[in-house]
C-alpha cells in the first residue's frame, strides 16, 4: 500500500517510538505532587490527578500542583505499583529517555527487565507519568509509596506526613513494618516494595517501549 507523503511522514514518529530501547538506571520516589504528565498538551490525555482527599479531578489537568502554594492537584493513590504475578508488576515512573522529549514519553509505557539486585530477571511495565532525570538519560524513577519524596514534598499537605516525608527524604522508609502507619490507600503500594520488589535498592534495567496494558490506562486515564 502506498501512502501519500504527508500520511507516510505522520507514521514515522510512531515507528521510531516503537523502537525505543536500551539500558538504564532506576530510583524510587513518592512525592504526592501532581505528575508533570498531568498537564495538558504533553503527548496524550493528561494523566489523572486527584484532590487532597484522593478524589479524581475532572478539570482537564489545569489545577495547580499541591507542591505549589494554594495548589490542590496531587498524585492519585491508585498510581501505586502492584504485582501481576511473581515475575511481572505494573506501575508508573518519572522518566527521561535519551533522544526523546517529554511530549514523546508522557503516558508511553516501557517494559523494564531488572538486571541487578534481588529482582534480577523480573519484569515491570511502567507508564511514564512524570519527568525525571536526576541520573541523566534512560532514568526510571519508579513511583512507590514510602520511596522518598526527594526534592518536592506534597505528602505533608495531602496526608499529614512528616516534614521530610516518610523515612529519609531520599530513599524513604527502611522496612515493611513502617508501612503499617501509612494512609490506608497507600499501604498496598508500600508493602509491594518489600514483597514483590524485595526491598531492591535502585536496580539496573534494560528497557523497551511497549503498548500500555489496559489495566494501567484504566487507572491513569492516559494513553497515546
C-alpha atoms as a PDB file:
ATOM      1  CA  UNK A   1       0.000   0.000   0.000  1.00  0.00           C
ATOM      2  CA  UNK A   2       1.356   3.406  -0.959  1.00  0.00           C
ATOM      3  CA  UNK A   3       0.623   6.259   1.426  1.00  0.00           C
ATOM      4  CA  UNK A   4       0.570   9.928   0.436  1.00  0.00           C
ATOM      5  CA  UNK A   5       3.736  11.671   1.557  1.00  0.00           C
ATOM      6  CA  UNK A   6       2.005  13.527   4.413  1.00  0.00           C
ATOM      7  CA  UNK A   7       0.480  10.294   5.732  1.00  0.00           C
ATOM      8  CA  UNK A   8       3.787   8.459   5.458  1.00  0.00           C
ATOM      9  CA  UNK A   9       5.539  11.189   7.421  1.00  0.00           C
ATOM     10  CA  UNK A  10       2.872  11.028  10.119  1.00  0.00           C
ATOM     11  CA  UNK A  11       3.610   7.326  10.614  1.00  0.00           C
ATOM     12  CA  UNK A  12       7.356   7.808  11.111  1.00  0.00           C
ATOM     13  CA  UNK A  13       7.310   9.138  14.697  1.00  0.00           C
ATOM     14  CA  UNK A  14       5.145   6.228  15.840  1.00  0.00           C
ATOM     15  CA  UNK A  15       7.504   3.737  14.233  1.00  0.00           C
ATOM     16  CA  UNK A  16      10.525   5.380  15.790  1.00  0.00           C
ATOM     17  CA  UNK A  17       8.949   5.427  19.232  1.00  0.00           C
ATOM     18  CA  UNK A  18       8.178   1.730  18.975  1.00  0.00           C
ATOM     19  CA  UNK A  19      11.890   1.050  18.677  1.00  0.00           C
ATOM     20  CA  UNK A  20      12.958   2.879  21.863  1.00  0.00           C
ATOM     21  CA  UNK A  21      15.080   0.542  23.976  1.00  0.00           C
ATOM     22  CA  UNK A  22      18.337   0.419  25.867  1.00  0.00           C
ATOM     23  CA  UNK A  23      19.905   0.081  29.300  1.00  0.00           C
ATOM     24  CA  UNK A  24      19.022   2.316  32.191  1.00  0.00           C
ATOM     25  CA  UNK A  25      19.041   3.128  35.885  1.00  0.00           C
ATOM     26  CA  UNK A  26      16.215   3.183  38.423  1.00  0.00           C
ATOM     27  CA  UNK A  27      15.499   5.101  41.588  1.00  0.00           C
ATOM     28  CA  UNK A  28      12.316   5.381  43.650  1.00  0.00           C
ATOM     29  CA  UNK A  29      10.070   8.175  44.872  1.00  0.00           C
ATOM     30  CA  UNK A  30       6.599   9.162  46.029  1.00  0.00           C
ATOM     31  CA  UNK A  31       6.264  12.921  46.494  1.00  0.00           C
ATOM     32  CA  UNK A  32       2.457  13.200  46.189  1.00  0.00           C
ATOM     33  CA  UNK A  33       2.893  16.095  43.710  1.00  0.00           C
ATOM     34  CA  UNK A  34       0.860  16.445  40.539  1.00  0.00           C
ATOM     35  CA  UNK A  35       2.828  14.491  37.913  1.00  0.00           C
ATOM     36  CA  UNK A  36       4.243  16.522  35.051  1.00  0.00           C
ATOM     37  CA  UNK A  37       2.265  14.445  32.535  1.00  0.00           C
ATOM     38  CA  UNK A  38      -0.880  15.619  34.322  1.00  0.00           C
ATOM     39  CA  UNK A  39      -0.700  18.924  32.467  1.00  0.00           C
ATOM     40  CA  UNK A  40      -2.398  19.251  29.037  1.00  0.00           C
ATOM     41  CA  UNK A  41      -0.532  19.162  25.749  1.00  0.00           C
ATOM     42  CA  UNK A  42       2.156  16.614  26.595  1.00  0.00           C
ATOM     43  CA  UNK A  43       1.511  13.859  24.100  1.00  0.00           C
ATOM     44  CA  UNK A  44      -1.754  12.327  25.255  1.00  0.00           C
ATOM     45  CA  UNK A  45      -4.674  12.869  27.578  1.00  0.00           C
ATOM     46  CA  UNK A  46      -3.308  14.299  30.840  1.00  0.00           C
ATOM     47  CA  UNK A  47      -2.684  11.591  33.398  1.00  0.00           C
ATOM     48  CA  UNK A  48      -5.335  11.708  36.104  1.00  0.00           C
ATOM     49  CA  UNK A  49      -4.678  13.735  39.220  1.00  0.00           C
ATOM     50  CA  UNK A  50      -6.588  13.813  42.490  1.00  0.00           C
ATOM     51  CA  UNK A  51      -7.552  16.352  45.126  1.00  0.00           C
ATOM     52  CA  UNK A  52      -6.333  16.315  48.716  1.00  0.00           C
ATOM     53  CA  UNK A  53      -8.916  13.613  49.554  1.00  0.00           C
ATOM     54  CA  UNK A  54      -7.818  11.384  46.646  1.00  0.00           C
ATOM     55  CA  UNK A  55     -10.884  12.177  44.524  1.00  0.00           C
ATOM     56  CA  UNK A  56     -10.204  12.346  40.778  1.00  0.00           C
ATOM     57  CA  UNK A  57     -10.148  15.884  39.382  1.00  0.00           C
ATOM     58  CA  UNK A  58     -12.151  16.367  36.188  1.00  0.00           C
ATOM     59  CA  UNK A  59     -10.651  19.644  35.030  1.00  0.00           C
ATOM     60  CA  UNK A  60      -8.563  18.611  32.030  1.00  0.00           C
ATOM     61  CA  UNK A  61      -5.357  18.856  34.034  1.00  0.00           C
ATOM     62  CA  UNK A  62      -5.498  22.581  34.768  1.00  0.00           C
ATOM     63  CA  UNK A  63      -5.425  22.548  38.598  1.00  0.00           C
ATOM     64  CA  UNK A  64      -2.226  23.803  40.221  1.00  0.00           C
ATOM     65  CA  UNK A  65       0.015  21.171  41.804  1.00  0.00           C
ATOM     66  CA  UNK A  66      -0.230  20.503  45.532  1.00  0.00           C
ATOM     67  CA  UNK A  67       3.520  21.149  45.623  1.00  0.00           C
ATOM     68  CA  UNK A  68       2.774  24.796  44.868  1.00  0.00           C
ATOM     69  CA  UNK A  69       1.238  27.209  47.322  1.00  0.00           C
ATOM     70  CA  UNK A  70      -2.545  27.048  47.043  1.00  0.00           C
ATOM     71  CA  UNK A  71      -2.442  24.043  44.708  1.00  0.00           C
ATOM     72  CA  UNK A  72      -4.860  21.138  45.041  1.00  0.00           C
ATOM     73  CA  UNK A  73      -3.758  18.541  42.472  1.00  0.00           C
ATOM     74  CA  UNK A  74      -1.896  15.501  43.782  1.00  0.00           C
ATOM     75  CA  UNK A  75      -0.723  12.094  42.619  1.00  0.00           C
ATOM     76  CA  UNK A  76      -3.626   9.632  42.832  1.00  0.00           C
ATOM     77  CA  UNK A  77      -3.108   6.753  45.250  1.00  0.00           C
ATOM     78  CA  UNK A  78      -4.140   4.198  42.606  1.00  0.00           C
ATOM     79  CA  UNK A  79      -0.978   5.050  40.665  1.00  0.00           C
ATOM     80  CA  UNK A  80       0.858   2.762  43.086  1.00  0.00           C
ATOM     81  CA  UNK A  81       2.648  -0.339  41.755  1.00  0.00           C
ATOM     82  CA  UNK A  82       1.145  -3.812  42.005  1.00  0.00           C
ATOM     83  CA  UNK A  83       2.164  -7.384  41.267  1.00  0.00           C
ATOM     84  CA  UNK A  84       0.561  -9.132  38.297  1.00  0.00           C
ATOM     85  CA  UNK A  85       2.336 -12.367  39.228  1.00  0.00           C
ATOM     86  CA  UNK A  86       5.632 -13.400  40.815  1.00  0.00           C
ATOM     87  CA  UNK A  87       7.689 -12.193  37.866  1.00  0.00           C
ATOM     88  CA  UNK A  88       5.691  -9.232  36.473  1.00  0.00           C
ATOM     89  CA  UNK A  89       4.482  -5.970  38.016  1.00  0.00           C
ATOM     90  CA  UNK A  90       2.748  -2.833  36.725  1.00  0.00           C
ATOM     91  CA  UNK A  91       3.209   0.767  37.813  1.00  0.00           C
ATOM     92  CA  UNK A  92       4.328   4.285  36.956  1.00  0.00           C
ATOM     93  CA  UNK A  93       7.583   6.214  36.825  1.00  0.00           C
ATOM     94  CA  UNK A  94       9.160   9.575  36.213  1.00  0.00           C
ATOM     95  CA  UNK A  95      11.348   9.008  33.187  1.00  0.00           C
ATOM     96  CA  UNK A  96      13.974  10.592  30.986  1.00  0.00           C
ATOM     97  CA  UNK A  97      14.711   8.768  27.724  1.00  0.00           C
ATOM     98  CA  UNK A  98      17.778   9.527  25.609  1.00  0.00           C
ATOM     99  CA  UNK A  99      16.842  11.042  22.262  1.00  0.00           C
ATOM    100  CA  UNK A 100      13.213  11.649  23.299  1.00  0.00           C
ATOM    101  CA  UNK A 101      11.276  14.561  24.731  1.00  0.00           C
ATOM    102  CA  UNK A 102       8.578  14.851  27.363  1.00  0.00           C
ATOM    103  CA  UNK A 103       5.885  15.073  24.687  1.00  0.00           C
ATOM    104  CA  UNK A 104       7.097  11.691  23.391  1.00  0.00           C
ATOM    105  CA  UNK A 105       7.458   9.793  26.683  1.00  0.00           C
ATOM    106  CA  UNK A 106       4.469  11.152  28.625  1.00  0.00           C
ATOM    107  CA  UNK A 107       1.967   8.293  29.016  1.00  0.00           C
ATOM    108  CA  UNK A 108       4.115   5.902  26.969  1.00  0.00           C
ATOM    109  CA  UNK A 109       4.840   2.515  28.564  1.00  0.00           C
ATOM    110  CA  UNK A 110       8.165   0.759  28.988  1.00  0.00           C
ATOM    111  CA  UNK A 111       8.916  -2.816  29.921  1.00  0.00           C
ATOM    112  CA  UNK A 112      11.777  -2.878  32.409  1.00  0.00           C
ATOM    113  CA  UNK A 113      13.792  -6.055  32.936  1.00  0.00           C
ATOM    114  CA  UNK A 114      15.809  -5.808  36.136  1.00  0.00           C
ATOM    115  CA  UNK A 115      19.431  -6.814  35.679  1.00  0.00           C
ATOM    116  CA  UNK A 116      20.797  -6.490  39.208  1.00  0.00           C
ATOM    117  CA  UNK A 117      19.831  -6.963  42.839  1.00  0.00           C
ATOM    118  CA  UNK A 118      17.239  -9.355  44.311  1.00  0.00           C
ATOM    119  CA  UNK A 119      14.761  -8.654  41.482  1.00  0.00           C
ATOM    120  CA  UNK A 120      17.191  -9.623  38.722  1.00  0.00           C
ATOM    121  CA  UNK A 121      15.219 -11.260  35.905  1.00  0.00           C
ATOM    122  CA  UNK A 122      11.856  -9.854  36.998  1.00  0.00           C
ATOM    123  CA  UNK A 123       9.937  -7.510  34.696  1.00  0.00           C
ATOM    124  CA  UNK A 124       7.881  -4.393  35.326  1.00  0.00           C
ATOM    125  CA  UNK A 125       5.803  -2.364  32.871  1.00  0.00           C
ATOM    126  CA  UNK A 126       5.689   1.293  33.846  1.00  0.00           C
ATOM    127  CA  UNK A 127       3.794   4.158  32.315  1.00  0.00           C
ATOM    128  CA  UNK A 128       5.618   7.488  32.199  1.00  0.00           C
ATOM    129  CA  UNK A 129       3.584   9.773  34.438  1.00  0.00           C
ATOM    130  CA  UNK A 130       6.283  12.288  35.210  1.00  0.00           C
ATOM    131  CA  UNK A 131       9.645  13.588  34.045  1.00  0.00           C
ATOM    132  CA  UNK A 132      12.787  12.685  35.945  1.00  0.00           C
ATOM    133  CA  UNK A 133      16.423  12.861  35.072  1.00  0.00           C
ATOM    134  CA  UNK A 134      18.445  13.134  38.277  1.00  0.00           C
ATOM    135  CA  UNK A 135      20.701  10.438  36.821  1.00  0.00           C
ATOM    136  CA  UNK A 136      20.612  11.780  33.258  1.00  0.00           C
ATOM    137  CA  UNK A 137      19.218   9.834  30.309  1.00  0.00           C
ATOM    138  CA  UNK A 138      17.467   6.451  30.478  1.00  0.00           C
ATOM    139  CA  UNK A 139      16.422   7.043  34.071  1.00  0.00           C
ATOM    140  CA  UNK A 140      13.275   5.480  35.564  1.00  0.00           C
ATOM    141  CA  UNK A 141      12.274   6.923  38.944  1.00  0.00           C
ATOM    142  CA  UNK A 142       9.689   4.328  39.972  1.00  0.00           C
ATOM    143  CA  UNK A 143       6.686   5.641  41.922  1.00  0.00           C
ATOM    144  CA  UNK A 144       6.162   3.671  45.133  1.00  0.00           C
ATOM    145  CA  UNK A 145       4.658   4.971  48.390  1.00  0.00           C
ATOM    146  CA  UNK A 146       7.364   5.399  51.004  1.00  0.00           C
ATOM    147  CA  UNK A 147      10.099   5.609  48.378  1.00  0.00           C
ATOM    148  CA  UNK A 148      11.173   9.097  49.487  1.00  0.00           C
ATOM    149  CA  UNK A 149       9.786  12.487  48.486  1.00  0.00           C
ATOM    150  CA  UNK A 150      13.031  13.785  47.005  1.00  0.00           C
ATOM    151  CA  UNK A 151      13.205  17.466  46.066  1.00  0.00           C
ATOM    152  CA  UNK A 152       9.478  18.168  46.398  1.00  0.00           C
ATOM    153  CA  UNK A 153       7.020  17.132  49.095  1.00  0.00           C
ATOM    154  CA  UNK A 154       3.244  17.395  48.882  1.00  0.00           C
ATOM    155  CA  UNK A 155       2.688  14.353  51.146  1.00  0.00           C
ATOM    156  CA  UNK A 156       2.651  16.524  54.255  1.00  0.00           C
ATOM    157  CA  UNK A 157      -0.158  18.641  52.763  1.00  0.00           C
ATOM    158  CA  UNK A 158      -2.114  15.680  51.437  1.00  0.00           C
ATOM    159  CA  UNK A 159      -1.645  13.052  54.129  1.00  0.00           C
ATOM    160  CA  UNK A 160      -0.009  14.759  57.115  1.00  0.00           C
ATOM    161  CA  UNK A 161       3.323  13.007  56.507  1.00  0.00           C
ATOM    162  CA  UNK A 162       6.398  14.204  58.445  1.00  0.00           C
ATOM    163  CA  UNK A 163       8.107  17.356  57.084  1.00  0.00           C
ATOM    164  CA  UNK A 164      10.576  15.300  55.014  1.00  0.00           C
ATOM    165  CA  UNK A 165       8.039  12.652  54.053  1.00  0.00           C
ATOM    166  CA  UNK A 166       8.078   9.128  55.427  1.00  0.00           C
ATOM    167  CA  UNK A 167      11.578   7.887  56.281  1.00  0.00           C
ATOM    168  CA  UNK A 168      14.552   9.530  54.607  1.00  0.00           C
ATOM    169  CA  UNK A 169      13.822  12.350  52.209  1.00  0.00           C
ATOM    170  CA  UNK A 170      15.880  10.461  49.610  1.00  0.00           C
ATOM    171  CA  UNK A 171      15.216   6.731  49.736  1.00  0.00           C
ATOM    172  CA  UNK A 172      12.223   6.697  52.058  1.00  0.00           C
ATOM    173  CA  UNK A 173      11.486   4.086  54.686  1.00  0.00           C
ATOM    174  CA  UNK A 174      13.666   1.103  55.579  1.00  0.00           C
ATOM    175  CA  UNK A 175      11.310  -1.759  56.450  1.00  0.00           C
ATOM    176  CA  UNK A 176       7.893  -3.205  55.649  1.00  0.00           C
ATOM    177  CA  UNK A 177       6.771  -2.705  59.244  1.00  0.00           C
ATOM    178  CA  UNK A 178       6.825   1.059  58.651  1.00  0.00           C
ATOM    179  CA  UNK A 179       4.102   0.656  56.002  1.00  0.00           C
ATOM    180  CA  UNK A 180       1.614  -0.142  58.773  1.00  0.00           C
ATOM    181  CA  UNK A 181       1.455   3.528  59.760  1.00  0.00           C
ATOM    182  CA  UNK A 182       0.719   4.721  56.203  1.00  0.00           C
ATOM    183  CA  UNK A 183      -2.637   6.031  54.961  1.00  0.00           C
ATOM    184  CA  UNK A 184      -4.827   3.051  54.099  1.00  0.00           C
ATOM    185  CA  UNK A 185      -4.817   3.751  50.353  1.00  0.00           C
ATOM    186  CA  UNK A 186      -1.009   3.749  50.217  1.00  0.00           C
ATOM    187  CA  UNK A 187      -0.327   0.637  52.286  1.00  0.00           C
ATOM    188  CA  UNK A 188      -0.564  -1.878  49.419  1.00  0.00           C
ATOM    189  CA  UNK A 189       1.908   0.072  47.278  1.00  0.00           C
ATOM    190  CA  UNK A 190       4.248   0.458  50.241  1.00  0.00           C
ATOM    191  CA  UNK A 191       4.105  -3.278  51.002  1.00  0.00           C
ATOM    192  CA  UNK A 192       4.771  -4.041  47.313  1.00  0.00           C
ATOM    193  CA  UNK A 193       8.242  -2.569  47.685  1.00  0.00           C
ATOM    194  CA  UNK A 194       9.208  -5.161  50.288  1.00  0.00           C
ATOM    195  CA  UNK A 195       7.202  -8.078  48.869  1.00  0.00           C
ATOM    196  CA  UNK A 196       7.380  -8.278  45.059  1.00  0.00           C
ATOM    197  CA  UNK A 197      10.254  -5.754  44.776  1.00  0.00           C
ATOM    198  CA  UNK A 198      12.112  -7.466  47.627  1.00  0.00           C
ATOM    199  CA  UNK A 199      13.462  -4.187  49.020  1.00  0.00           C
ATOM    200  CA  UNK A 200      15.677  -3.747  45.945  1.00  0.00           C
ATOM    201  CA  UNK A 201      17.845  -0.624  46.066  1.00  0.00           C
ATOM    202  CA  UNK A 202      17.848   1.101  42.676  1.00  0.00           C
ATOM    203  CA  UNK A 203      18.460  -1.935  40.430  1.00  0.00           C
ATOM    204  CA  UNK A 204      19.716  -1.542  36.868  1.00  0.00           C
ATOM    205  CA  UNK A 205      17.434  -2.376  33.937  1.00  0.00           C
ATOM    206  CA  UNK A 206      17.171  -2.972  30.266  1.00  0.00           C
ATOM    207  CA  UNK A 207      14.041  -1.439  28.745  1.00  0.00           C
ATOM    208  CA  UNK A 208      11.915  -1.316  25.644  1.00  0.00           C
ATOM    209  CA  UNK A 209       8.801   0.643  24.754  1.00  0.00           C
ATOM    210  CA  UNK A 210       5.629  -1.442  24.670  1.00  0.00           C
ATOM    211  CA  UNK A 211       1.903  -0.950  24.254  1.00  0.00           C
ATOM    212  CA  UNK A 212       0.368   0.108  27.552  1.00  0.00           C
ATOM    213  CA  UNK A 213      -1.671  -2.619  29.256  1.00  0.00           C
ATOM    214  CA  UNK A 214      -5.364  -1.775  29.586  1.00  0.00           C
ATOM    215  CA  UNK A 215      -5.088  -2.267  33.355  1.00  0.00           C
ATOM    216  CA  UNK A 216      -2.659   0.670  33.541  1.00  0.00           C
ATOM    217  CA  UNK A 217      -4.527   3.071  31.269  1.00  0.00           C
ATOM    218  CA  UNK A 218      -7.810   2.316  33.039  1.00  0.00           C
ATOM    219  CA  UNK A 219      -6.299   3.739  36.230  1.00  0.00           C
ATOM    220  CA  UNK A 220      -4.318   6.626  34.747  1.00  0.00           C
ATOM    221  CA  UNK A 221      -6.806   7.737  32.092  1.00  0.00           C
ATOM    222  CA  UNK A 222      -3.820   8.452  29.879  1.00  0.00           C
ATOM    223  CA  UNK A 223      -2.952   6.862  26.561  1.00  0.00           C
ATOM    224  CA  UNK A 224      -1.142   7.819  23.415  1.00  0.00           C
END
